[in-house]
């Protein structure tokens, strides 16, 4: 059985546990999305309750990210848990009253999953297999930081010469930095000079 496409028939109320190591290629990740160092360890528990499949699990590995301050690549440990819900994609929409009733039953069957979380992490399936790769890829991308930093105290690059300041000071560090209003002062001085003539 392929871990990324388990059969729906194999997922029961007793649950189905899956664990493996996956590469970025197997998950369909592009380097622009998330660049992985080696593989990620994935452990998932799948449980079917009525027509809904609840997936919980843990993903661990190492991502290679580029620091937004100094532009160096660094290893960033990955470790996060996930909780998602799969429902069969319906061809016709059920009346709202029936949908509300089934949601209440699901919440009662699995009390630790609140309705808001179900709505946020909902996926759909068709056929007799689940496709887990798109969900895992999306979860990896969503857990990526917007502004990755190699360190909280990263000094970044010198704005004048471009030297990585984490490797030591540059020669232009002694020069006074221009403030944000320096451009306005320069314009004001030019206007004053032109009015004097």
Protein backbone atom coordinates (compact mmCIF):
# COMPACT_ATOMS: atom_id res chain seq x y z
CA UNK A 1 0.00 0.00 0.00
CA UNK A 2 1.28 3.45 -0.97
CA UNK A 3 1.26 5.72 2.09
CA UNK A 4 0.31 8.76 0.01
CA UNK A 5 -2.78 7.06 -1.50
CA UNK A 6 -4.37 4.78 1.13
CA UNK A 7 -7.58 2.94 0.24
CA UNK A 8 -10.71 4.34 1.82
CA UNK A 9 -11.83 0.76 2.59
CA UNK A 10 -8.71 0.27 4.80
CA UNK A 11 -9.63 3.25 7.00
CA UNK A 12 -12.03 2.17 9.75
CA UNK A 13 -13.27 3.52 13.09
CA UNK A 14 -10.38 1.59 14.68
CA UNK A 15 -8.02 3.71 12.62
CA UNK A 16 -5.12 3.19 10.26
CA UNK A 17 -1.58 4.23 11.20
CA UNK A 18 0.91 5.17 8.48
CA UNK A 19 4.53 6.26 8.84
CA UNK A 20 7.34 6.76 6.35
CA UNK A 21 10.08 9.12 5.18
CA UNK A 22 9.22 11.25 2.15
CA UNK A 23 11.29 13.43 -0.18
CA UNK A 24 10.23 16.81 -1.48
CA UNK A 25 9.91 15.25 -4.93
CA UNK A 26 7.45 12.62 -3.65
CA UNK A 27 5.36 15.42 -2.12
CA UNK A 28 5.51 17.52 -5.29
CA UNK A 29 7.38 20.35 -3.58
CA UNK A 30 9.26 22.85 -5.72
CA UNK A 31 12.35 24.52 -4.24
CA UNK A 32 10.45 27.81 -4.44
CA UNK A 33 7.86 26.32 -2.05
CA UNK A 34 10.02 24.57 0.54
CA UNK A 35 13.49 23.12 0.04
CA UNK A 36 14.03 20.03 2.18
CA UNK A 37 17.31 18.63 3.40
CA UNK A 38 16.94 14.90 2.79
CA UNK A 39 13.56 13.51 3.80
CA UNK A 40 10.79 14.36 6.22
CA UNK A 41 9.45 11.78 8.65
CA UNK A 42 5.66 11.56 8.48
CA UNK A 43 3.47 9.70 10.96
CA UNK A 44 -0.29 9.76 10.38
CA UNK A 45 -3.35 8.27 12.06
CA UNK A 46 -6.46 8.04 9.88
CA UNK A 47 -9.88 7.31 11.39
CA UNK A 48 -13.24 7.08 9.63
CA UNK A 49 -16.30 8.27 11.54
CA UNK A 50 -19.48 8.12 9.48
CA UNK A 51 -18.51 9.56 6.09
CA UNK A 52 -15.69 11.74 7.39
CA UNK A 53 -12.02 10.77 7.67
CA UNK A 54 -10.03 12.45 10.44
CA UNK A 55 -6.27 12.64 9.91
CA UNK A 56 -3.90 13.53 12.73
CA UNK A 57 -0.15 13.27 12.63
CA UNK A 58 3.33 14.67 13.00
CA UNK A 59 5.84 15.84 10.38
CA UNK A 60 9.53 16.22 11.24
CA UNK A 61 12.58 17.05 9.17
CA UNK A 62 14.85 19.91 8.13
CA UNK A 63 14.13 22.69 5.65
CA UNK A 64 16.80 24.78 3.94
CA UNK A 65 15.79 28.42 4.05
CA UNK A 66 17.39 31.71 3.00
CA UNK A 67 17.74 34.36 5.69
CA UNK A 68 15.95 37.58 4.70
CA UNK A 69 18.65 39.73 6.37
CA UNK A 70 21.98 38.19 5.34
CA UNK A 71 20.77 36.03 2.38
CA UNK A 72 22.67 32.95 3.63
CA UNK A 73 21.09 29.51 3.48
CA UNK A 74 20.54 27.85 6.85
CA UNK A 75 19.05 24.64 8.22
CA UNK A 76 15.68 25.15 9.89
CA UNK A 77 14.32 22.21 11.94
CA UNK A 78 10.74 21.29 11.01
CA UNK A 79 8.40 19.74 13.56
CA UNK A 80 4.67 20.28 13.53
CA UNK A 81 1.49 18.38 14.16
CA UNK A 82 -1.46 18.40 11.82
CA UNK A 83 -5.16 17.73 12.15
CA UNK A 84 -7.27 17.70 9.01
CA UNK A 85 -10.64 16.40 7.90
CA UNK A 86 -11.42 14.68 4.60
CA UNK A 87 -14.95 14.50 3.26
CA UNK A 88 -16.23 12.93 0.07
CA UNK A 89 -16.79 15.58 -2.57
CA UNK A 90 -20.54 15.79 -3.08
CA UNK A 91 -21.98 16.11 -6.58
CA UNK A 92 -25.04 17.93 -5.23
CA UNK A 93 -25.20 20.21 -2.22
CA UNK A 94 -27.25 18.94 0.71
CA UNK A 95 -29.88 21.24 2.25
CA UNK A 96 -28.42 23.40 5.05
CA UNK A 97 -30.54 21.75 7.75
CA UNK A 98 -29.13 18.29 6.98
CA UNK A 99 -25.57 19.63 6.84
CA UNK A 100 -25.98 21.23 10.28
CA UNK A 101 -27.26 17.92 11.72
CA UNK A 102 -24.29 15.94 10.37
CA UNK A 103 -21.83 18.54 11.68
CA UNK A 104 -23.31 18.18 15.18
CA UNK A 105 -23.00 14.39 14.99
CA UNK A 106 -19.37 14.65 13.89
CA UNK A 107 -18.56 17.03 16.73
CA UNK A 108 -20.18 14.61 19.17
CA UNK A 109 -18.31 11.63 17.70
CA UNK A 110 -14.92 13.33 17.99
CA UNK A 111 -15.27 15.93 20.76
CA UNK A 112 -11.70 17.28 20.64
CA UNK A 113 -12.19 18.66 17.10
CA UNK A 114 -14.08 21.94 17.21
CA UNK A 115 -16.17 23.19 14.29
CA UNK A 116 -13.89 26.12 13.48
CA UNK A 117 -10.87 23.85 13.14
CA UNK A 118 -12.85 21.49 10.91
CA UNK A 119 -13.64 24.38 8.57
CA UNK A 120 -10.02 25.55 8.42
CA UNK A 121 -8.47 22.15 7.65
CA UNK A 122 -11.03 20.56 5.36
CA UNK A 123 -10.06 18.55 2.27
CA UNK A 124 -12.17 16.58 -0.17
CA UNK A 125 -11.69 13.24 -1.91
CA UNK A 126 -13.25 11.33 -4.76
CA UNK A 127 -12.89 7.69 -5.75
CA UNK A 128 -11.69 4.91 -3.47
CA UNK A 129 -8.30 6.39 -2.41
CA UNK A 130 -7.21 9.43 -0.39
CA UNK A 131 -4.60 11.70 -1.97
CA UNK A 132 -2.42 12.77 0.99
CA UNK A 133 0.47 14.41 -0.93
CA UNK A 134 -1.37 17.67 -1.79
CA UNK A 135 -2.45 18.07 1.85
CA UNK A 136 1.06 17.38 3.20
CA UNK A 137 2.59 19.77 0.64
CA UNK A 138 0.13 22.52 1.63
CA UNK A 139 0.77 21.99 5.36
CA UNK A 140 4.55 22.23 4.81
CA UNK A 141 4.14 25.48 2.87
CA UNK A 142 1.74 26.94 5.46
CA UNK A 143 4.15 26.28 8.33
CA UNK A 144 7.00 28.10 6.55
CA UNK A 145 7.91 31.45 8.14
CA UNK A 146 7.12 34.57 6.10
CA UNK A 147 10.48 36.16 6.99
CA UNK A 148 12.99 33.38 7.80
CA UNK A 149 15.94 34.47 9.95
CA UNK A 150 19.11 32.44 10.48
CA UNK A 151 19.23 33.95 13.99
CA UNK A 152 17.24 36.50 15.97
CA UNK A 153 20.41 38.59 16.25
CA UNK A 154 21.36 38.42 12.55
CA UNK A 155 22.99 41.73 11.59
CA UNK A 156 22.23 41.38 7.88
CA UNK A 157 24.16 43.02 5.05
CA UNK A 158 25.77 46.46 4.96
CA UNK A 159 23.45 48.67 2.86
CA UNK A 160 26.47 50.33 1.19
CA UNK A 161 29.02 47.62 0.44
CA UNK A 162 26.89 44.49 0.88
CA UNK A 163 29.24 42.76 3.33
CA UNK A 164 27.66 40.21 5.67
CA UNK A 165 27.92 42.01 9.03
CA UNK A 166 27.71 38.68 10.92
CA UNK A 167 31.27 38.03 9.66
CA UNK A 168 32.59 41.27 11.14
CA UNK A 169 32.30 45.03 10.57
CA UNK A 170 32.89 46.54 7.16
CA UNK A 171 35.05 49.59 6.36
CA UNK A 172 32.11 51.88 5.70
CA UNK A 173 30.48 51.23 9.09
CA UNK A 174 32.25 54.30 10.60
CA UNK A 175 30.55 56.67 8.12
CA UNK A 176 27.41 58.35 9.43
CA UNK A 177 24.23 56.76 8.17
CA UNK A 178 21.84 58.95 6.21
CA UNK A 179 18.59 59.41 8.02
CA UNK A 180 15.21 59.08 6.33
CA UNK A 181 14.93 62.87 6.07
CA UNK A 182 18.32 63.41 4.37
CA UNK A 183 16.65 63.52 0.94
CA UNK A 184 14.31 66.27 2.13
CA UNK A 185 17.23 68.28 3.56
CA UNK A 186 19.07 67.99 0.25
CA UNK A 187 16.02 69.20 -1.70
CA UNK A 188 15.51 72.07 0.75
CA UNK A 189 19.16 73.13 0.37
CA UNK A 190 18.89 73.04 -3.44
CA UNK A 191 15.71 75.12 -3.34
CA UNK A 192 17.38 77.66 -1.04
CA UNK A 193 20.41 77.88 -3.35
CA UNK A 194 18.23 78.39 -6.44
CA UNK A 195 16.16 81.12 -4.72
CA UNK A 196 19.38 82.93 -3.66
CA UNK A 197 20.47 83.25 -7.28
